[in-house]
PDB file of N, CA and C in Angstrom:
ATOM      1  N   THR A   1       1.481   6.267  13.525  1.00  0.00           N
ATOM      2  CA  THR A   1       1.062   5.733  14.807  1.00  0.00           C
ATOM      3  C   THR A   1       0.172   4.514  14.607  1.00  0.00           C
ATOM      4  N   SER A   2      -0.090   3.823  15.690  1.00  0.00           N
ATOM      5  CA  SER A   2      -0.938   2.632  15.591  1.00  0.00           C
ATOM      6  C   SER A   2      -2.376   2.997  15.237  1.00  0.00           C
ATOM      7  N   THR A   3      -2.817   4.175  15.644  1.00  0.00           N
ATOM      8  CA  THR A   3      -4.173   4.620  15.307  1.00  0.00           C
ATOM      9  C   THR A   3      -4.313   4.818  13.804  1.00  0.00           C
ATOM     10  N   ALA A   4      -3.307   5.410  13.181  1.00  0.00           N
ATOM     11  CA  ALA A   4      -3.335   5.631  11.729  1.00  0.00           C
ATOM     12  C   ALA A   4      -3.328   4.306  10.978  1.00  0.00           C
ATOM     13  N   VAL A   5      -2.501   3.382  11.413  1.00  0.00           N
ATOM     14  CA  VAL A   5      -2.451   2.066  10.772  1.00  0.00           C
ATOM     15  C   VAL A   5      -3.791   1.358  10.919  1.00  0.00           C
ATOM     16  N   GLY A   6      -4.363   1.419  12.101  1.00  0.00           N
ATOM     17  CA  GLY A   6      -5.673   0.817  12.326  1.00  0.00           C
ATOM     18  C   GLY A   6      -6.740   1.432  11.444  1.00  0.00           C
ATOM     19  N   SER A   7      -6.660   2.737  11.258  1.00  0.00           N
ATOM     20  CA  SER A   7      -7.623   3.434  10.409  1.00  0.00           C
ATOM     21  C   SER A   7      -7.497   3.003   8.948  1.00  0.00           C
ATOM     22  N   VAL A   8      -6.267   2.889   8.460  1.00  0.00           N
ATOM     23  CA  VAL A   8      -6.046   2.424   7.082  1.00  0.00           C
ATOM     24  C   VAL A   8      -6.610   1.024   6.904  1.00  0.00           C
ATOM     25  N   LEU A   9      -6.300   0.139   7.830  1.00  0.00           N
ATOM     26  CA  LEU A   9      -6.776  -1.241   7.720  1.00  0.00           C
ATOM     27  C   LEU A   9      -8.298  -1.326   7.796  1.00  0.00           C
ATOM     28  N   TYR A  10      -8.897  -0.521   8.639  1.00  0.00           N
ATOM     29  CA  TYR A  10     -10.356  -0.489   8.755  1.00  0.00           C
ATOM     30  C   TYR A  10     -10.985  -0.024   7.440  1.00  0.00           C
ATOM     31  N   GLN A  11     -10.465   1.056   6.884  1.00  0.00           N
ATOM     32  CA  GLN A  11     -11.009   1.584   5.633  1.00  0.00           C
ATOM     33  C   GLN A  11     -10.836   0.588   4.487  1.00  0.00           C
ATOM     34  N   LEU A  12      -9.704  -0.093   4.452  1.00  0.00           N
ATOM     35  CA  LEU A  12      -9.488  -1.096   3.411  1.00  0.00           C
ATOM     36  C   LEU A  12     -10.438  -2.279   3.570  1.00  0.00           C
ATOM     37  N   ALA A  13     -10.768  -2.629   4.802  1.00  0.00           N
ATOM     38  CA  ALA A  13     -11.735  -3.706   5.035  1.00  0.00           C
ATOM     39  C   ALA A  13     -13.121  -3.302   4.547  1.00  0.00           C
ATOM     40  N   LEU A  14     -13.455  -2.028   4.705  1.00  0.00           N
ATOM     41  CA  LEU A  14     -14.755  -1.533   4.241  1.00  0.00           C
ATOM     42  C   LEU A  14     -14.820  -1.406   2.725  1.00  0.00           C
ATOM     43  N   HIS A  15     -13.702  -1.082   2.109  1.00  0.00           N
ATOM     44  CA  HIS A  15     -13.645  -0.808   0.666  1.00  0.00           C
ATOM     45  C   HIS A  15     -12.702  -1.815   0.007  1.00  0.00           C
ATOM     46  N   GLN A  16     -13.229  -3.003  -0.214  1.00  0.00           N
ATOM     47  CA  GLN A  16     -12.384  -4.074  -0.724  1.00  0.00           C
ATOM     48  C   GLN A  16     -11.894  -3.824  -2.145  1.00  0.00           C
ATOM     49  N   ASP A  17     -12.595  -2.993  -2.904  1.00  0.00           N
ATOM     50  CA  ASP A  17     -12.110  -2.645  -4.236  1.00  0.00           C
ATOM     51  C   ASP A  17     -10.807  -1.855  -4.135  1.00  0.00           C
ATOM     52  N   LYS A  18     -10.703  -0.988  -3.141  1.00  0.00           N
ATOM     53  CA  LYS A  18      -9.471  -0.221  -2.919  1.00  0.00           C
ATOM     54  C   LYS A  18      -8.355  -1.146  -2.435  1.00  0.00           C
ATOM     55  N   GLN A  19      -8.728  -2.104  -1.597  1.00  0.00           N
ATOM     56  CA  GLN A  19      -7.756  -3.085  -1.111  1.00  0.00           C
ATOM     57  C   GLN A  19      -7.182  -3.874  -2.288  1.00  0.00           C
ATOM     58  N   GLU A  20      -8.022  -4.239  -3.217  1.00  0.00           N
ATOM     59  CA  GLU A  20      -7.575  -4.973  -4.404  1.00  0.00           C
ATOM     60  C   GLU A  20      -6.637  -4.115  -5.247  1.00  0.00           C
ATOM     61  N   ASN A  21      -6.961  -2.818  -5.393  1.00  0.00           N
ATOM     62  CA  ASN A  21      -6.077  -1.908  -6.129  1.00  0.00           C
ATOM     63  C   ASN A  21      -4.697  -1.842  -5.482  1.00  0.00           C
ATOM     64  N   LEU A  22      -4.665  -1.758  -4.167  1.00  0.00           N
ATOM     65  CA  LEU A  22      -3.384  -1.737  -3.447  1.00  0.00           C
ATOM     66  C   LEU A  22      -2.604  -3.025  -3.684  1.00  0.00           C
ATOM     67  N   TYR A  23      -3.288  -4.135  -3.572  1.00  0.00           N
ATOM     68  CA  TYR A  23      -2.629  -5.427  -3.761  1.00  0.00           C
ATOM     69  C   TYR A  23      -2.018  -5.527  -5.159  1.00  0.00           C
ATOM     70  N   LYS A  24      -2.785  -5.146  -6.166  1.00  0.00           N
ATOM     71  CA  LYS A  24      -2.295  -5.229  -7.543  1.00  0.00           C
ATOM     72  C   LYS A  24      -1.078  -4.343  -7.750  1.00  0.00           C
ATOM     73  N   GLU A  25      -1.110  -3.133  -7.184  1.00  0.00           N
ATOM     74  CA  GLU A  25       0.034  -2.235  -7.329  1.00  0.00           C
ATOM     75  C   GLU A  25       1.273  -2.830  -6.668  1.00  0.00           C
ATOM     76  N   VAL A  26       1.124  -3.292  -5.448  1.00  0.00           N
ATOM     77  CA  VAL A  26       2.262  -3.867  -4.719  1.00  0.00           C
ATOM     78  C   VAL A  26       2.795  -5.101  -5.445  1.00  0.00           C
ATOM     79  N   ALA A  27       1.909  -5.973  -5.886  1.00  0.00           N
ATOM     80  CA  ALA A  27       2.323  -7.202  -6.566  1.00  0.00           C
ATOM     81  C   ALA A  27       3.037  -6.915  -7.882  1.00  0.00           C
ATOM     82  N   SER A  28       2.653  -5.837  -8.556  1.00  0.00           N
ATOM     83  CA  SER A  28       3.269  -5.536  -9.846  1.00  0.00           C
ATOM     84  C   SER A  28       4.599  -4.798  -9.718  1.00  0.00           C
ATOM     85  N   ILE A  29       4.828  -4.121  -8.601  1.00  0.00           N
ATOM     86  CA  ILE A  29       6.026  -3.285  -8.459  1.00  0.00           C
ATOM     87  C   ILE A  29       7.116  -3.938  -7.615  1.00  0.00           C
ATOM     88  N   LEU A  30       6.749  -4.539  -6.513  1.00  0.00           N
ATOM     89  CA  LEU A  30       7.771  -5.086  -5.620  1.00  0.00           C
ATOM     90  C   LEU A  30       8.396  -6.335  -6.215  1.00  0.00           C
ATOM     91  N   PRO A  31       9.697  -6.514  -5.971  1.00  0.00           N
ATOM     92  CA  PRO A  31      10.405  -7.655  -6.555  1.00  0.00           C
ATOM     93  C   PRO A  31       9.929  -8.983  -5.976  1.00  0.00           C
ATOM     94  N   LYS A  32      10.122 -10.001  -6.753  1.00  0.00           N
ATOM     95  CA  LYS A  32       9.725 -11.349  -6.344  1.00  0.00           C
ATOM     96  C   LYS A  32      10.901 -12.059  -5.675  1.00  0.00           C
ATOM     97  N   GLY A  33      10.599 -13.011  -4.848  1.00  0.00           N
ATOM     98  CA  GLY A  33      11.632 -13.856  -4.255  1.00  0.00           C
ATOM     99  C   GLY A  33      12.515 -13.128  -3.267  1.00  0.00           C
ATOM    100  N   ASP A  34      13.799 -13.403  -3.370  1.00  0.00           N
ATOM    101  CA  ASP A  34      14.766 -12.888  -2.406  1.00  0.00           C
ATOM    102  C   ASP A  34      15.358 -11.539  -2.786  1.00  0.00           C
ATOM    103  N   MET A  35      14.863 -10.926  -3.836  1.00  0.00           N
ATOM    104  CA  MET A  35      15.401  -9.620  -4.238  1.00  0.00           C
ATOM    105  C   MET A  35      15.087  -8.580  -3.168  1.00  0.00           C
ATOM    106  N   GLN A  36      15.973  -7.603  -3.036  1.00  0.00           N
ATOM    107  CA  GLN A  36      15.769  -6.559  -2.048  1.00  0.00           C
ATOM    108  C   GLN A  36      14.881  -5.452  -2.595  1.00  0.00           C
ATOM    109  N   ILE A  37      14.117  -4.857  -1.696  1.00  0.00           N
ATOM    110  CA  ILE A  37      13.313  -3.688  -2.032  1.00  0.00           C
ATOM    111  C   ILE A  37      14.214  -2.472  -1.907  1.00  0.00           C
ATOM    112  N   ASP A  38      14.222  -1.622  -2.922  1.00  0.00           N
ATOM    113  CA  ASP A  38      15.019  -0.404  -2.830  1.00  0.00           C
ATOM    114  C   ASP A  38      14.132   0.826  -3.008  1.00  0.00           C
ATOM    115  N   ARG A  39      14.748   1.972  -2.968  1.00  0.00           N
ATOM    116  CA  ARG A  39      14.023   3.247  -3.001  1.00  0.00           C
ATOM    117  C   ARG A  39      13.151   3.385  -4.252  1.00  0.00           C
ATOM    118  N   LYS A  40      13.638   2.931  -5.410  1.00  0.00           N
ATOM    119  CA  LYS A  40      12.855   3.075  -6.649  1.00  0.00           C
ATOM    120  C   LYS A  40      11.550   2.291  -6.569  1.00  0.00           C
ATOM    121  N   HIS A  41      11.579   1.141  -5.900  1.00  0.00           N
ATOM    122  CA  HIS A  41      10.342   0.379  -5.728  1.00  0.00           C
ATOM    123  C   HIS A  41       9.355   1.170  -4.870  1.00  0.00           C
ATOM    124  N   LEU A  42       9.842   1.686  -3.753  1.00  0.00           N
ATOM    125  CA  LEU A  42       8.969   2.431  -2.843  1.00  0.00           C
ATOM    126  C   LEU A  42       8.435   3.703  -3.495  1.00  0.00           C
ATOM    127  N   ASP A  43       9.262   4.370  -4.283  1.00  0.00           N
ATOM    128  CA  ASP A  43       8.827   5.590  -4.970  1.00  0.00           C
ATOM    129  C   ASP A  43       7.736   5.313  -6.000  1.00  0.00           C
ATOM    130  N   SER A  44       7.677   4.097  -6.498  1.00  0.00           N
ATOM    131  CA  SER A  44       6.688   3.732  -7.517  1.00  0.00           C
ATOM    132  C   SER A  44       5.318   3.384  -6.945  1.00  0.00           C
ATOM    133  N   LEU A  45       5.212   3.258  -5.643  1.00  0.00           N
ATOM    134  CA  LEU A  45       3.944   2.867  -5.010  1.00  0.00           C
ATOM    135  C   LEU A  45       3.048   4.089  -4.803  1.00  0.00           C
ATOM    136  N   LYS A  46       2.570   4.651  -5.883  1.00  0.00           N
ATOM    137  CA  LYS A  46       1.783   5.891  -5.846  1.00  0.00           C
ATOM    138  C   LYS A  46       0.445   5.711  -5.126  1.00  0.00           C
ATOM    139  N   TYR A  47      -0.250   4.631  -5.409  1.00  0.00           N
ATOM    140  CA  TYR A  47      -1.569   4.415  -4.798  1.00  0.00           C
ATOM    141  C   TYR A  47      -1.435   4.155  -3.300  1.00  0.00           C
ATOM    142  N   VAL A  48      -0.407   3.416  -2.916  1.00  0.00           N
ATOM    143  CA  VAL A  48      -0.152   3.163  -1.492  1.00  0.00           C
ATOM    144  C   VAL A  48       0.087   4.484  -0.772  1.00  0.00           C
ATOM    145  N   LYS A  49       0.924   5.327  -1.364  1.00  0.00           N
ATOM    146  CA  LYS A  49       1.211   6.634  -0.760  1.00  0.00           C
ATOM    147  C   LYS A  49      -0.048   7.477  -0.637  1.00  0.00           C
ATOM    148  N   ALA A  50      -0.887   7.455  -1.662  1.00  0.00           N
ATOM    149  CA  ALA A  50      -2.125   8.239  -1.635  1.00  0.00           C
ATOM    150  C   ALA A  50      -3.051   7.758  -0.519  1.00  0.00           C
ATOM    151  N   CYS A  51      -3.142   6.462  -0.328  1.00  0.00           N
ATOM    152  CA  CYS A  51      -3.988   5.917   0.744  1.00  0.00           C
ATOM    153  C   CYS A  51      -3.465   6.328   2.116  1.00  0.00           C
ATOM    154  N   ILE A  52      -2.163   6.290   2.278  1.00  0.00           N
ATOM    155  CA  ILE A  52      -1.572   6.687   3.560  1.00  0.00           C
ATOM    156  C   ILE A  52      -1.805   8.168   3.816  1.00  0.00           C
ATOM    157  N   ARG A  53      -1.571   8.993   2.810  1.00  0.00           N
ATOM    158  CA  ARG A  53      -1.794  10.442   2.970  1.00  0.00           C
ATOM    159  C   ARG A  53      -3.249  10.748   3.291  1.00  0.00           C
ATOM    160  N   GLU A  54      -4.160  10.061   2.644  1.00  0.00           N
ATOM    161  CA  GLU A  54      -5.587  10.288   2.882  1.00  0.00           C
ATOM    162  C   GLU A  54      -5.962   9.949   4.323  1.00  0.00           C
ATOM    163  N   THR A  55      -5.362   8.921   4.851  1.00  0.00           N
ATOM    164  CA  THR A  55      -5.657   8.512   6.223  1.00  0.00           C
ATOM    165  C   THR A  55      -5.091   9.490   7.240  1.00  0.00           C
ATOM    166  N   LEU A  56      -3.902  10.014   6.969  1.00  0.00           N
ATOM    167  CA  LEU A  56      -3.285  10.950   7.909  1.00  0.00           C
ATOM    168  C   LEU A  56      -3.969  12.289   7.809  1.00  0.00           C
TER     169      LEU A  56
END
């Protein structure tokens, strides 16, 4: 929901070290350029998933 997304963004704004961890994970796993994102990329985003679960 929009409330959950807002909560994640708020917490990341408060904890910029966590925001940096998320950025590094996404930048290292997701493909560059015009390549498509597939299931294996999404499955590899462990820290992103943990942040979402913590918020929900």
